[in-house]
Amino acid sequence: MNGLDAVLSAARPLLAPAFTLWGSGITWLEIVAFAVAVAMVLANFRVHPIAWPLAMLSSLMYALLFADSKLYGEAGLQFVFIAVAFWGWWQWLRGRGDDGALLRVHHLSRRGLLALGAATLAAWPLLGLLLSRATDSDVPYFDALPTVGSLAGQLLLARKCVENWPVWVGVNIVSVALFASKGLWLTVLLYALFTVLALVGWRRWRALAAGR
């Protein structure tokens, strides 16, 4: 038994179905992760630093859930999220903007957006190729797209850039289709809700950036 199998075996009680939805079992882990993730997004709305510890907890739970579903790109991403969450937490508490003032909600420059977009598009096929060769994933490129998009969104969120929200809208739409293909129906509902919340967050942070 390898390390991942040992972890999944130890977590098996949490991965037991609590109920069935549309023919698929909804696990206790997925239920708790759902609640924590919603609380995290609501904290992001308010630009409250508690969002980052909640993000870490949510990421740990989803890493287990995704690994159990052989979505290894999404599972591995959660550990990147945890690392970025520590950085984001520090940024929200101590970070500074280009003007030297405490970090506040703002727009990313066009040059920054182009650079991030190019890096994301370049990383997508590379990660897909890695997943296709190094894992038994049956959807390597489908898995890789929201994985790299999520990392871009997380970096923008950590720096309080308004543009994190439209990135999350796109990531969440793709994720809904990905998780539906795996029968993770509660997570499908969560990411559908995330799409709506991202639209609301986008509007709210645009107002904050404009000083309204």
N, C-alpha and C. Protein backbone atom coordinates (compact mmCIF):
# COMPACT_ATOMS: atom_id res chain seq x y z
N MET A 1 0.85 -1.20 0.00
CA MET A 1 0.00 0.00 0.00
C MET A 1 0.88 1.25 0.00
N ASN A 2 0.68 2.15 -0.99
CA ASN A 2 1.47 3.37 -1.03
C ASN A 2 0.92 4.40 -0.05
N GLY A 3 1.60 5.55 0.02
CA GLY A 3 1.20 6.57 0.99
C GLY A 3 -0.21 7.07 0.79
N LEU A 4 -0.59 7.32 -0.46
CA LEU A 4 -1.93 7.82 -0.74
C LEU A 4 -2.99 6.80 -0.35
N ASP A 5 -2.75 5.53 -0.69
CA ASP A 5 -3.71 4.48 -0.32
C ASP A 5 -3.87 4.39 1.20
N ALA A 6 -2.76 4.58 1.92
CA ALA A 6 -2.81 4.52 3.38
C ALA A 6 -3.65 5.65 3.94
N VAL A 7 -3.47 6.86 3.38
CA VAL A 7 -4.25 8.01 3.84
C VAL A 7 -5.73 7.81 3.55
N LEU A 8 -6.05 7.37 2.34
CA LEU A 8 -7.45 7.15 1.98
C LEU A 8 -8.07 6.05 2.83
N SER A 9 -7.29 5.04 3.15
CA SER A 9 -7.81 3.97 4.01
C SER A 9 -8.12 4.50 5.40
N ALA A 10 -7.22 5.34 5.93
CA ALA A 10 -7.45 5.90 7.27
C ALA A 10 -8.66 6.84 7.28
N ALA A 11 -8.90 7.50 6.15
CA ALA A 11 -10.01 8.46 6.07
C ALA A 11 -11.31 7.81 5.62
N ARG A 12 -11.31 6.49 5.45
CA ARG A 12 -12.47 5.80 4.91
C ARG A 12 -13.77 6.10 5.65
N PRO A 13 -13.80 6.21 7.00
CA PRO A 13 -15.07 6.54 7.67
C PRO A 13 -15.64 7.88 7.21
N LEU A 14 -14.77 8.87 6.94
CA LEU A 14 -15.24 10.16 6.46
C LEU A 14 -15.71 10.09 5.02
N LEU A 15 -15.21 9.11 4.28
CA LEU A 15 -15.57 8.95 2.88
C LEU A 15 -16.76 8.01 2.69
N ALA A 16 -17.35 7.59 3.81
CA ALA A 16 -18.56 6.75 3.74
C ALA A 16 -19.76 7.62 3.37
N PRO A 17 -20.68 7.11 2.56
CA PRO A 17 -21.84 7.90 2.15
C PRO A 17 -22.75 8.24 3.32
N ALA A 18 -23.15 9.51 3.40
CA ALA A 18 -24.14 9.94 4.39
C ALA A 18 -25.55 9.79 3.82
N PHE A 19 -25.67 10.03 2.49
CA PHE A 19 -26.94 9.83 1.79
C PHE A 19 -26.64 9.76 0.30
N THR A 20 -27.64 9.46 -0.47
CA THR A 20 -27.47 9.33 -1.92
C THR A 20 -28.18 10.47 -2.63
N LEU A 21 -27.50 11.06 -3.61
CA LEU A 21 -28.09 12.14 -4.40
C LEU A 21 -27.87 11.83 -5.87
N TRP A 22 -28.99 11.70 -6.61
CA TRP A 22 -28.94 11.42 -8.05
C TRP A 22 -28.07 10.20 -8.36
N GLY A 23 -28.21 9.18 -7.54
CA GLY A 23 -27.52 7.92 -7.79
C GLY A 23 -26.10 7.82 -7.29
N SER A 24 -25.57 8.89 -6.69
CA SER A 24 -24.20 8.87 -6.16
C SER A 24 -24.21 9.14 -4.66
N GLY A 25 -23.32 8.47 -3.94
CA GLY A 25 -23.24 8.67 -2.51
C GLY A 25 -22.58 9.99 -2.15
N ILE A 26 -23.18 10.73 -1.24
CA ILE A 26 -22.62 11.98 -0.74
C ILE A 26 -21.96 11.69 0.60
N THR A 27 -20.66 11.91 0.67
CA THR A 27 -19.92 11.52 1.87
C THR A 27 -20.01 12.59 2.95
N TRP A 28 -19.70 12.14 4.17
CA TRP A 28 -19.65 13.08 5.30
C TRP A 28 -18.59 14.15 5.05
N LEU A 29 -17.48 13.74 4.46
CA LEU A 29 -16.39 14.68 4.18
C LEU A 29 -16.85 15.77 3.21
N GLU A 30 -17.60 15.37 2.19
CA GLU A 30 -18.08 16.33 1.20
C GLU A 30 -19.05 17.32 1.84
N ILE A 31 -19.87 16.87 2.76
CA ILE A 31 -20.83 17.75 3.44
C ILE A 31 -20.11 18.82 4.25
N VAL A 32 -19.13 18.39 5.06
CA VAL A 32 -18.40 19.34 5.90
C VAL A 32 -17.59 20.30 5.03
N ALA A 33 -16.93 19.77 3.99
CA ALA A 33 -16.14 20.61 3.09
C ALA A 33 -17.02 21.65 2.41
N PHE A 34 -18.22 21.27 2.04
CA PHE A 34 -19.18 22.18 1.43
C PHE A 34 -19.44 23.37 2.36
N ALA A 35 -19.74 23.09 3.63
CA ALA A 35 -20.08 24.14 4.59
C ALA A 35 -18.89 25.08 4.83
N VAL A 36 -17.70 24.50 4.97
CA VAL A 36 -16.50 25.31 5.22
C VAL A 36 -16.19 26.19 4.01
N ALA A 37 -16.35 25.65 2.81
CA ALA A 37 -16.05 26.40 1.60
C ALA A 37 -17.00 27.59 1.42
N VAL A 38 -18.28 27.41 1.74
CA VAL A 38 -19.23 28.51 1.65
C VAL A 38 -18.87 29.60 2.65
N ALA A 39 -18.52 29.20 3.87
CA ALA A 39 -18.11 30.17 4.89
C ALA A 39 -16.87 30.95 4.42
N MET A 40 -15.95 30.27 3.74
CA MET A 40 -14.75 30.92 3.22
C MET A 40 -15.10 32.01 2.21
N VAL A 41 -15.99 31.70 1.25
CA VAL A 41 -16.35 32.67 0.22
C VAL A 41 -17.06 33.88 0.84
N LEU A 42 -17.92 33.64 1.82
CA LEU A 42 -18.61 34.75 2.48
C LEU A 42 -17.62 35.66 3.20
N ALA A 43 -16.57 35.07 3.78
CA ALA A 43 -15.53 35.87 4.42
C ALA A 43 -14.75 36.66 3.38
N ASN A 44 -14.54 36.07 2.20
CA ASN A 44 -13.86 36.80 1.12
C ASN A 44 -14.66 38.02 0.69
N PHE A 45 -15.98 37.89 0.65
CA PHE A 45 -16.85 39.03 0.33
C PHE A 45 -16.51 40.22 1.20
N ARG A 46 -16.33 39.93 2.50
CA ARG A 46 -16.10 40.98 3.49
C ARG A 46 -14.63 41.36 3.61
N VAL A 47 -13.79 40.73 2.79
CA VAL A 47 -12.33 40.95 2.85
C VAL A 47 -11.85 40.70 4.28
N HIS A 48 -12.34 39.62 4.89
CA HIS A 48 -12.00 39.27 6.26
C HIS A 48 -10.90 38.19 6.25
N PRO A 49 -9.81 38.39 6.98
CA PRO A 49 -8.69 37.44 6.95
C PRO A 49 -9.03 36.02 7.40
N ILE A 50 -10.14 35.83 8.13
CA ILE A 50 -10.52 34.47 8.55
C ILE A 50 -10.75 33.57 7.35
N ALA A 51 -10.93 34.18 6.18
CA ALA A 51 -11.14 33.40 4.95
C ALA A 51 -9.97 32.47 4.68
N TRP A 52 -8.75 32.87 5.04
CA TRP A 52 -7.58 32.07 4.70
C TRP A 52 -7.45 30.81 5.55
N PRO A 53 -7.62 30.85 6.88
CA PRO A 53 -7.65 29.59 7.62
C PRO A 53 -8.77 28.66 7.17
N LEU A 54 -9.93 29.24 6.84
CA LEU A 54 -11.02 28.42 6.32
C LEU A 54 -10.63 27.79 4.98
N ALA A 55 -9.89 28.53 4.17
CA ALA A 55 -9.42 28.00 2.88
C ALA A 55 -8.49 26.81 3.09
N MET A 56 -7.62 26.91 4.09
CA MET A 56 -6.70 25.81 4.37
C MET A 56 -7.46 24.55 4.78
N LEU A 57 -8.43 24.71 5.67
CA LEU A 57 -9.22 23.57 6.14
C LEU A 57 -10.01 22.96 5.00
N SER A 58 -10.64 23.80 4.21
CA SER A 58 -11.42 23.31 3.06
C SER A 58 -10.53 22.57 2.08
N SER A 59 -9.33 23.10 1.83
CA SER A 59 -8.41 22.47 0.88
C SER A 59 -7.97 21.09 1.35
N LEU A 60 -7.71 20.94 2.63
CA LEU A 60 -7.33 19.62 3.16
C LEU A 60 -8.42 18.59 2.91
N MET A 61 -9.66 18.99 3.17
CA MET A 61 -10.78 18.06 2.99
C MET A 61 -11.00 17.73 1.52
N TYR A 62 -10.91 18.74 0.65
CA TYR A 62 -11.12 18.48 -0.76
C TYR A 62 -9.97 17.70 -1.38
N ALA A 63 -8.77 17.83 -0.83
CA ALA A 63 -7.65 17.01 -1.32
C ALA A 63 -7.97 15.53 -1.16
N LEU A 64 -8.51 15.17 -0.01
CA LEU A 64 -8.90 13.78 0.23
C LEU A 64 -10.03 13.35 -0.70
N LEU A 65 -11.02 14.21 -0.82
CA LEU A 65 -12.19 13.89 -1.64
C LEU A 65 -11.80 13.70 -3.10
N PHE A 66 -10.98 14.60 -3.63
CA PHE A 66 -10.60 14.52 -5.04
C PHE A 66 -9.67 13.34 -5.30
N ALA A 67 -8.76 13.08 -4.37
CA ALA A 67 -7.87 11.92 -4.54
C ALA A 67 -8.67 10.63 -4.59
N ASP A 68 -9.71 10.55 -3.78
CA ASP A 68 -10.56 9.36 -3.77
C ASP A 68 -11.30 9.21 -5.09
N SER A 69 -11.51 10.33 -5.82
CA SER A 69 -12.20 10.30 -7.12
C SER A 69 -11.22 10.28 -8.29
N LYS A 70 -9.91 10.12 -7.99
CA LYS A 70 -8.86 10.08 -9.01
C LYS A 70 -8.74 11.38 -9.79
N LEU A 71 -9.12 12.50 -9.16
CA LEU A 71 -8.90 13.82 -9.75
C LEU A 71 -7.60 14.36 -9.14
N TYR A 72 -6.49 13.84 -9.62
CA TYR A 72 -5.21 14.10 -8.96
C TYR A 72 -4.73 15.53 -9.15
N GLY A 73 -5.07 16.15 -10.29
CA GLY A 73 -4.72 17.55 -10.47
C GLY A 73 -5.41 18.42 -9.44
N GLU A 74 -6.71 18.20 -9.27
CA GLU A 74 -7.47 18.97 -8.28
C GLU A 74 -6.98 18.66 -6.87
N ALA A 75 -6.65 17.40 -6.60
CA ALA A 75 -6.17 17.02 -5.27
C ALA A 75 -4.83 17.69 -4.96
N GLY A 76 -3.90 17.61 -5.91
CA GLY A 76 -2.60 18.25 -5.70
C GLY A 76 -2.71 19.74 -5.57
N LEU A 77 -3.65 20.33 -6.32
CA LEU A 77 -3.86 21.78 -6.25
C LEU A 77 -4.20 22.24 -4.84
N GLN A 78 -4.89 21.41 -4.09
CA GLN A 78 -5.31 21.82 -2.75
C GLN A 78 -4.11 22.11 -1.86
N PHE A 79 -3.01 21.36 -2.04
CA PHE A 79 -1.82 21.61 -1.23
C PHE A 79 -1.11 22.88 -1.67
N VAL A 80 -1.20 23.18 -2.96
CA VAL A 80 -0.69 24.47 -3.43
C VAL A 80 -1.54 25.59 -2.82
N PHE A 81 -2.87 25.37 -2.79
CA PHE A 81 -3.77 26.34 -2.17
C PHE A 81 -3.39 26.61 -0.72
N ILE A 82 -3.05 25.55 -0.01
CA ILE A 82 -2.70 25.72 1.40
C ILE A 82 -1.45 26.60 1.53
N ALA A 83 -0.45 26.34 0.68
CA ALA A 83 0.76 27.16 0.71
C ALA A 83 0.44 28.61 0.35
N VAL A 84 -0.38 28.80 -0.71
CA VAL A 84 -0.74 30.14 -1.12
C VAL A 84 -1.59 30.83 -0.05
N ALA A 85 -2.40 30.03 0.66
CA ALA A 85 -3.26 30.60 1.71
C ALA A 85 -2.44 31.22 2.83
N PHE A 86 -1.31 30.58 3.19
CA PHE A 86 -0.44 31.19 4.19
C PHE A 86 0.08 32.55 3.70
N TRP A 87 0.48 32.57 2.44
CA TRP A 87 0.96 33.82 1.84
C TRP A 87 -0.16 34.85 1.75
N GLY A 88 -1.35 34.41 1.30
CA GLY A 88 -2.48 35.32 1.20
C GLY A 88 -2.90 35.87 2.54
N TRP A 89 -2.87 35.04 3.56
CA TRP A 89 -3.21 35.47 4.91
C TRP A 89 -2.25 36.60 5.35
N TRP A 90 -0.97 36.38 5.10
CA TRP A 90 0.03 37.39 5.45
C TRP A 90 -0.18 38.66 4.63
N GLN A 91 -0.52 38.50 3.34
CA GLN A 91 -0.74 39.65 2.48
C GLN A 91 -1.91 40.50 3.00
N TRP A 92 -2.99 39.85 3.40
CA TRP A 92 -4.16 40.59 3.86
C TRP A 92 -3.91 41.28 5.20
N LEU A 93 -3.00 40.72 5.99
CA LEU A 93 -2.71 41.31 7.29
C LEU A 93 -1.57 42.33 7.23
N ARG A 94 -0.56 42.05 6.40
CA ARG A 94 0.65 42.88 6.41
C ARG A 94 1.08 43.38 5.03
N GLY A 95 0.45 42.91 3.98
CA GLY A 95 0.90 43.23 2.63
C GLY A 95 0.76 44.69 2.27
N ARG A 96 1.59 45.12 1.34
CA ARG A 96 1.59 46.51 0.88
C ARG A 96 1.35 46.57 -0.62
N GLY A 97 0.71 47.64 -1.04
CA GLY A 97 0.51 47.88 -2.46
C GLY A 97 1.72 48.55 -3.08
N ASP A 98 1.63 48.88 -4.37
CA ASP A 98 2.73 49.53 -5.07
C ASP A 98 3.05 50.90 -4.48
N ASP A 99 2.06 51.52 -3.83
CA ASP A 99 2.27 52.84 -3.25
C ASP A 99 2.84 52.78 -1.84
N GLY A 100 3.08 51.57 -1.32
CA GLY A 100 3.64 51.42 0.01
C GLY A 100 2.61 51.39 1.11
N ALA A 101 1.35 51.67 0.76
CA ALA A 101 0.28 51.64 1.75
C ALA A 101 -0.19 50.21 1.96
N LEU A 102 -0.92 49.97 3.05
CA LEU A 102 -1.48 48.65 3.28
C LEU A 102 -2.30 48.20 2.09
N LEU A 103 -2.20 46.92 1.77
CA LEU A 103 -2.87 46.36 0.60
C LEU A 103 -4.38 46.58 0.69
N ARG A 104 -4.96 47.04 -0.41
CA ARG A 104 -6.40 47.24 -0.48
C ARG A 104 -6.93 46.67 -1.78
N VAL A 105 -8.25 46.53 -1.88
CA VAL A 105 -8.88 46.01 -3.10
C VAL A 105 -8.57 46.95 -4.26
N HIS A 106 -8.07 46.37 -5.37
CA HIS A 106 -7.67 47.18 -6.52
C HIS A 106 -7.73 46.35 -7.80
N HIS A 107 -7.58 47.02 -8.92
CA HIS A 107 -7.56 46.35 -10.22
C HIS A 107 -6.12 46.02 -10.62
N LEU A 108 -5.93 44.85 -11.22
CA LEU A 108 -4.63 44.49 -11.77
C LEU A 108 -4.43 45.22 -13.10
N SER A 109 -3.20 45.58 -13.39
CA SER A 109 -2.90 46.27 -14.64
C SER A 109 -3.16 45.36 -15.83
N ARG A 110 -3.37 45.96 -17.00
CA ARG A 110 -3.59 45.17 -18.22
C ARG A 110 -2.37 44.30 -18.51
N ARG A 111 -1.18 44.86 -18.29
CA ARG A 111 0.04 44.08 -18.52
C ARG A 111 0.09 42.87 -17.60
N GLY A 112 -0.30 43.06 -16.34
CA GLY A 112 -0.32 41.95 -15.39
C GLY A 112 -1.31 40.89 -15.79
N LEU A 113 -2.48 41.32 -16.28
CA LEU A 113 -3.50 40.37 -16.71
C LEU A 113 -3.02 39.54 -17.91
N LEU A 114 -2.38 40.20 -18.87
CA LEU A 114 -1.88 39.49 -20.05
C LEU A 114 -0.81 38.48 -19.66
N ALA A 115 0.07 38.87 -18.75
CA ALA A 115 1.14 37.96 -18.32
C ALA A 115 0.57 36.75 -17.60
N LEU A 116 -0.39 36.99 -16.70
CA LEU A 116 -0.99 35.88 -15.96
C LEU A 116 -1.79 34.98 -16.89
N GLY A 117 -2.53 35.57 -17.83
CA GLY A 117 -3.30 34.77 -18.78
C GLY A 117 -2.41 33.90 -19.65
N ALA A 118 -1.29 34.45 -20.11
CA ALA A 118 -0.37 33.68 -20.95
C ALA A 118 0.26 32.53 -20.16
N ALA A 119 0.63 32.81 -18.91
CA ALA A 119 1.23 31.76 -18.07
C ALA A 119 0.23 30.64 -17.80
N THR A 120 -1.03 31.01 -17.57
CA THR A 120 -2.06 30.02 -17.29
C THR A 120 -2.32 29.13 -18.50
N LEU A 121 -2.43 29.73 -19.69
CA LEU A 121 -2.67 28.96 -20.91
C LEU A 121 -1.50 28.06 -21.24
N ALA A 122 -0.28 28.51 -20.92
CA ALA A 122 0.90 27.68 -21.18
C ALA A 122 0.98 26.51 -20.21
N ALA A 123 0.54 26.74 -18.96
CA ALA A 123 0.64 25.70 -17.93
C ALA A 123 -0.41 24.60 -18.13
N TRP A 124 -1.55 24.94 -18.73
CA TRP A 124 -2.64 23.97 -18.88
C TRP A 124 -2.21 22.68 -19.61
N PRO A 125 -1.70 22.76 -20.85
CA PRO A 125 -1.34 21.51 -21.54
C PRO A 125 -0.17 20.80 -20.87
N LEU A 126 0.73 21.56 -20.25
CA LEU A 126 1.86 20.93 -19.58
C LEU A 126 1.39 20.09 -18.40
N LEU A 127 0.48 20.65 -17.61
CA LEU A 127 -0.05 19.89 -16.48
C LEU A 127 -0.88 18.70 -16.97
N GLY A 128 -1.66 18.93 -18.02
CA GLY A 128 -2.45 17.82 -18.58
C GLY A 128 -1.57 16.67 -19.03
N LEU A 129 -0.45 17.00 -19.67
CA LEU A 129 0.49 15.97 -20.12
C LEU A 129 1.08 15.23 -18.93
N LEU A 130 1.44 15.97 -17.88
CA LEU A 130 1.99 15.34 -16.68
C LEU A 130 0.99 14.39 -16.05
N LEU A 131 -0.26 14.81 -15.93
CA LEU A 131 -1.29 13.96 -15.33
C LEU A 131 -1.55 12.72 -16.18
N SER A 132 -1.48 12.88 -17.50
CA SER A 132 -1.75 11.74 -18.38
C SER A 132 -0.66 10.68 -18.30
N ARG A 133 0.56 11.12 -17.99
CA ARG A 133 1.70 10.19 -17.97
C ARG A 133 2.02 9.67 -16.57
N ALA A 134 1.74 10.48 -15.55
CA ALA A 134 2.19 10.13 -14.20
C ALA A 134 1.08 9.58 -13.31
N THR A 135 -0.18 9.64 -13.76
CA THR A 135 -1.28 9.16 -12.93
C THR A 135 -2.22 8.30 -13.77
N ASP A 136 -3.21 7.71 -13.11
CA ASP A 136 -4.23 6.93 -13.83
C ASP A 136 -5.50 7.74 -14.04
N SER A 137 -5.37 9.08 -14.04
CA SER A 137 -6.52 9.95 -14.30
C SER A 137 -7.11 9.64 -15.67
N ASP A 138 -8.44 9.60 -15.74
CA ASP A 138 -9.11 9.37 -17.01
C ASP A 138 -9.54 10.67 -17.67
N VAL A 139 -9.28 11.81 -17.03
CA VAL A 139 -9.63 13.12 -17.60
C VAL A 139 -8.47 14.11 -17.35
N PRO A 140 -7.26 13.80 -17.77
CA PRO A 140 -6.10 14.61 -17.38
C PRO A 140 -6.17 16.07 -17.81
N TYR A 141 -6.58 16.32 -19.06
CA TYR A 141 -6.60 17.71 -19.54
C TYR A 141 -7.82 18.46 -19.01
N PHE A 142 -8.92 17.75 -18.85
CA PHE A 142 -10.12 18.33 -18.26
C PHE A 142 -9.84 18.71 -16.81
N ASP A 143 -9.11 17.88 -16.12
CA ASP A 143 -8.72 18.12 -14.73
C ASP A 143 -7.73 19.28 -14.64
N ALA A 144 -6.82 19.36 -15.61
CA ALA A 144 -5.75 20.37 -15.55
C ALA A 144 -6.27 21.79 -15.75
N LEU A 145 -7.31 21.99 -16.56
CA LEU A 145 -7.78 23.34 -16.87
C LEU A 145 -8.23 24.11 -15.63
N PRO A 146 -9.19 23.59 -14.83
CA PRO A 146 -9.57 24.34 -13.63
C PRO A 146 -8.46 24.37 -12.59
N THR A 147 -7.54 23.42 -12.67
CA THR A 147 -6.43 23.40 -11.72
C THR A 147 -5.54 24.63 -11.89
N VAL A 148 -5.11 24.89 -13.13
CA VAL A 148 -4.24 26.05 -13.37
C VAL A 148 -5.03 27.35 -13.24
N GLY A 149 -6.31 27.33 -13.63
CA GLY A 149 -7.14 28.51 -13.49
C GLY A 149 -7.36 28.88 -12.03
N SER A 150 -7.52 27.86 -11.19
CA SER A 150 -7.72 28.10 -9.77
C SER A 150 -6.49 28.72 -9.12
N LEU A 151 -5.32 28.28 -9.55
CA LEU A 151 -4.09 28.85 -9.01
C LEU A 151 -3.98 30.33 -9.37
N ALA A 152 -4.34 30.66 -10.61
CA ALA A 152 -4.33 32.07 -11.03
C ALA A 152 -5.31 32.89 -10.18
N GLY A 153 -6.51 32.34 -9.98
CA GLY A 153 -7.51 33.04 -9.18
C GLY A 153 -7.06 33.24 -7.75
N GLN A 154 -6.39 32.23 -7.19
CA GLN A 154 -5.93 32.32 -5.81
C GLN A 154 -4.85 33.38 -5.65
N LEU A 155 -3.95 33.47 -6.61
CA LEU A 155 -2.90 34.49 -6.56
C LEU A 155 -3.50 35.89 -6.63
N LEU A 156 -4.50 36.08 -7.50
CA LEU A 156 -5.17 37.37 -7.62
C LEU A 156 -5.93 37.71 -6.34
N LEU A 157 -6.57 36.71 -5.76
CA LEU A 157 -7.31 36.93 -4.51
C LEU A 157 -6.36 37.35 -3.39
N ALA A 158 -5.21 36.69 -3.30
CA ALA A 158 -4.25 37.01 -2.25
C ALA A 158 -3.77 38.45 -2.33
N ARG A 159 -3.68 38.98 -3.55
CA ARG A 159 -3.24 40.36 -3.72
C ARG A 159 -4.42 41.34 -3.79
N LYS A 160 -5.61 40.87 -3.44
CA LYS A 160 -6.82 41.69 -3.41
C LYS A 160 -7.13 42.33 -4.76
N CYS A 161 -6.91 41.60 -5.84
CA CYS A 161 -7.22 42.09 -7.18
C CYS A 161 -8.67 41.76 -7.53
N VAL A 162 -9.41 42.74 -7.99
CA VAL A 162 -10.81 42.54 -8.38
C VAL A 162 -10.94 41.41 -9.38
N GLU A 163 -9.95 41.27 -10.25
CA GLU A 163 -10.02 40.31 -11.35
C GLU A 163 -10.03 38.86 -10.90
N ASN A 164 -9.79 38.60 -9.61
CA ASN A 164 -9.89 37.22 -9.15
C ASN A 164 -11.30 36.67 -9.35
N TRP A 165 -12.31 37.53 -9.24
CA TRP A 165 -13.70 37.05 -9.31
C TRP A 165 -14.11 36.56 -10.70
N PRO A 166 -13.83 37.30 -11.81
CA PRO A 166 -14.16 36.73 -13.12
C PRO A 166 -13.38 35.46 -13.42
N VAL A 167 -12.14 35.37 -12.91
CA VAL A 167 -11.38 34.12 -13.09
C VAL A 167 -12.12 32.98 -12.40
N TRP A 168 -12.61 33.22 -11.19
CA TRP A 168 -13.34 32.16 -10.47
C TRP A 168 -14.64 31.79 -11.18
N VAL A 169 -15.29 32.76 -11.82
CA VAL A 169 -16.51 32.44 -12.57
C VAL A 169 -16.19 31.38 -13.64
N GLY A 170 -15.13 31.62 -14.41
CA GLY A 170 -14.75 30.66 -15.44
C GLY A 170 -14.33 29.32 -14.88
N VAL A 171 -13.51 29.36 -13.82
CA VAL A 171 -13.05 28.11 -13.19
C VAL A 171 -14.23 27.30 -12.66
N ASN A 172 -15.16 27.98 -12.03
CA ASN A 172 -16.30 27.27 -11.42
C ASN A 172 -17.20 26.63 -12.47
N ILE A 173 -17.39 27.30 -13.60
CA ILE A 173 -18.23 26.73 -14.66
C ILE A 173 -17.61 25.44 -15.20
N VAL A 174 -16.29 25.47 -15.44
CA VAL A 174 -15.62 24.26 -15.91
C VAL A 174 -15.65 23.17 -14.84
N SER A 175 -15.48 23.58 -13.58
CA SER A 175 -15.47 22.62 -12.48
C SER A 175 -16.81 21.92 -12.31
N VAL A 176 -17.90 22.64 -12.56
CA VAL A 176 -19.23 22.02 -12.47
C VAL A 176 -19.30 20.83 -13.42
N ALA A 177 -18.85 21.02 -14.66
CA ALA A 177 -18.87 19.93 -15.63
C ALA A 177 -17.93 18.80 -15.22
N LEU A 178 -16.75 19.15 -14.71
CA LEU A 178 -15.77 18.13 -14.30
C LEU A 178 -16.31 17.26 -13.18
N PHE A 179 -16.85 17.89 -12.14
CA PHE A 179 -17.31 17.14 -10.98
C PHE A 179 -18.59 16.36 -11.29
N ALA A 180 -19.40 16.88 -12.20
CA ALA A 180 -20.59 16.14 -12.63
C ALA A 180 -20.18 14.84 -13.30
N SER A 181 -19.07 14.88 -14.05
CA SER A 181 -18.60 13.67 -14.72
C SER A 181 -18.15 12.61 -13.73
N LYS A 182 -17.87 13.02 -12.49
CA LYS A 182 -17.43 12.09 -11.44
C LYS A 182 -18.54 11.78 -10.44
N GLY A 183 -19.73 12.36 -10.65
CA GLY A 183 -20.84 12.09 -9.74
C GLY A 183 -20.70 12.74 -8.37
N LEU A 184 -19.89 13.78 -8.27
CA LEU A 184 -19.74 14.51 -7.00
C LEU A 184 -20.80 15.61 -6.95
N TRP A 185 -22.04 15.17 -6.75
CA TRP A 185 -23.16 16.08 -6.97
C TRP A 185 -23.24 17.22 -5.96
N LEU A 186 -22.88 16.97 -4.72
CA LEU A 186 -22.91 18.07 -3.75
C LEU A 186 -21.84 19.10 -4.10
N THR A 187 -20.71 18.63 -4.58
CA THR A 187 -19.65 19.54 -5.00
C THR A 187 -20.07 20.27 -6.28
N VAL A 188 -20.83 19.61 -7.16
CA VAL A 188 -21.39 20.29 -8.33
C VAL A 188 -22.27 21.45 -7.88
N LEU A 189 -23.15 21.19 -6.90
CA LEU A 189 -24.01 22.25 -6.39
C LEU A 189 -23.19 23.36 -5.75
N LEU A 190 -22.13 22.98 -5.04
CA LEU A 190 -21.27 23.97 -4.40
C LEU A 190 -20.64 24.88 -5.45
N TYR A 191 -20.10 24.31 -6.51
CA TYR A 191 -19.43 25.13 -7.52
C TYR A 191 -20.41 25.93 -8.36
N ALA A 192 -21.63 25.43 -8.51
CA ALA A 192 -22.67 26.24 -9.15
C ALA A 192 -22.99 27.45 -8.26
N LEU A 193 -23.08 27.20 -6.94
CA LEU A 193 -23.28 28.31 -6.00
C LEU A 193 -22.10 29.25 -6.02
N PHE A 194 -20.88 28.70 -6.10
CA PHE A 194 -19.67 29.51 -6.19
C PHE A 194 -19.72 30.46 -7.40
N THR A 195 -20.27 29.97 -8.52
CA THR A 195 -20.36 30.80 -9.72
C THR A 195 -21.21 32.03 -9.45
N VAL A 196 -22.35 31.82 -8.80
CA VAL A 196 -23.24 32.94 -8.46
C VAL A 196 -22.55 33.87 -7.46
N LEU A 197 -21.92 33.29 -6.45
CA LEU A 197 -21.25 34.10 -5.43
C LEU A 197 -20.09 34.89 -6.03
N ALA A 198 -19.39 34.29 -7.01
CA ALA A 198 -18.29 35.00 -7.66
C ALA A 198 -18.79 36.22 -8.41
N LEU A 199 -19.95 36.12 -9.03
CA LEU A 199 -20.54 37.27 -9.71
C LEU A 199 -20.88 38.37 -8.70
N VAL A 200 -21.43 37.96 -7.57
CA VAL A 200 -21.75 38.93 -6.51
C VAL A 200 -20.46 39.56 -5.96
N GLY A 201 -19.45 38.72 -5.72
CA GLY A 201 -18.17 39.22 -5.22
C GLY A 201 -17.51 40.18 -6.19
N TRP A 202 -17.62 39.87 -7.48
CA TRP A 202 -17.05 40.74 -8.52
C TRP A 202 -17.68 42.14 -8.43
N ARG A 203 -18.99 42.17 -8.32
CA ARG A 203 -19.68 43.47 -8.22
C ARG A 203 -19.29 44.20 -6.93
N ARG A 204 -19.21 43.47 -5.84
CA ARG A 204 -18.90 44.10 -4.56
C ARG A 204 -17.48 44.65 -4.54
N TRP A 205 -16.51 43.88 -5.06
CA TRP A 205 -15.12 44.33 -5.03
C TRP A 205 -14.88 45.47 -6.04
N ARG A 206 -15.63 45.50 -7.12
CA ARG A 206 -15.52 46.63 -8.05
C ARG A 206 -15.94 47.91 -7.35
N ALA A 207 -16.98 47.81 -6.53
CA ALA A 207 -17.43 48.98 -5.78
C ALA A 207 -16.38 49.39 -4.74
N LEU A 208 -15.76 48.40 -4.09
CA LEU A 208 -14.72 48.71 -3.11
C LEU A 208 -13.51 49.37 -3.77
N ALA A 209 -13.14 48.88 -4.96
CA ALA A 209 -11.99 49.45 -5.67
C ALA A 209 -12.27 50.88 -6.11
N ALA A 210 -13.56 51.17 -6.37
CA ALA A 210 -13.94 52.52 -6.79
C ALA A 210 -14.18 53.45 -5.61
N GLY A 211 -14.07 52.90 -4.40
CA GLY A 211 -14.26 53.72 -3.20
C GLY A 211 -15.70 53.96 -2.84
N ARG A 212 -16.59 53.07 -3.35
CA ARG A 212 -18.01 53.25 -3.03
C ARG A 212 -18.42 52.36 -1.85
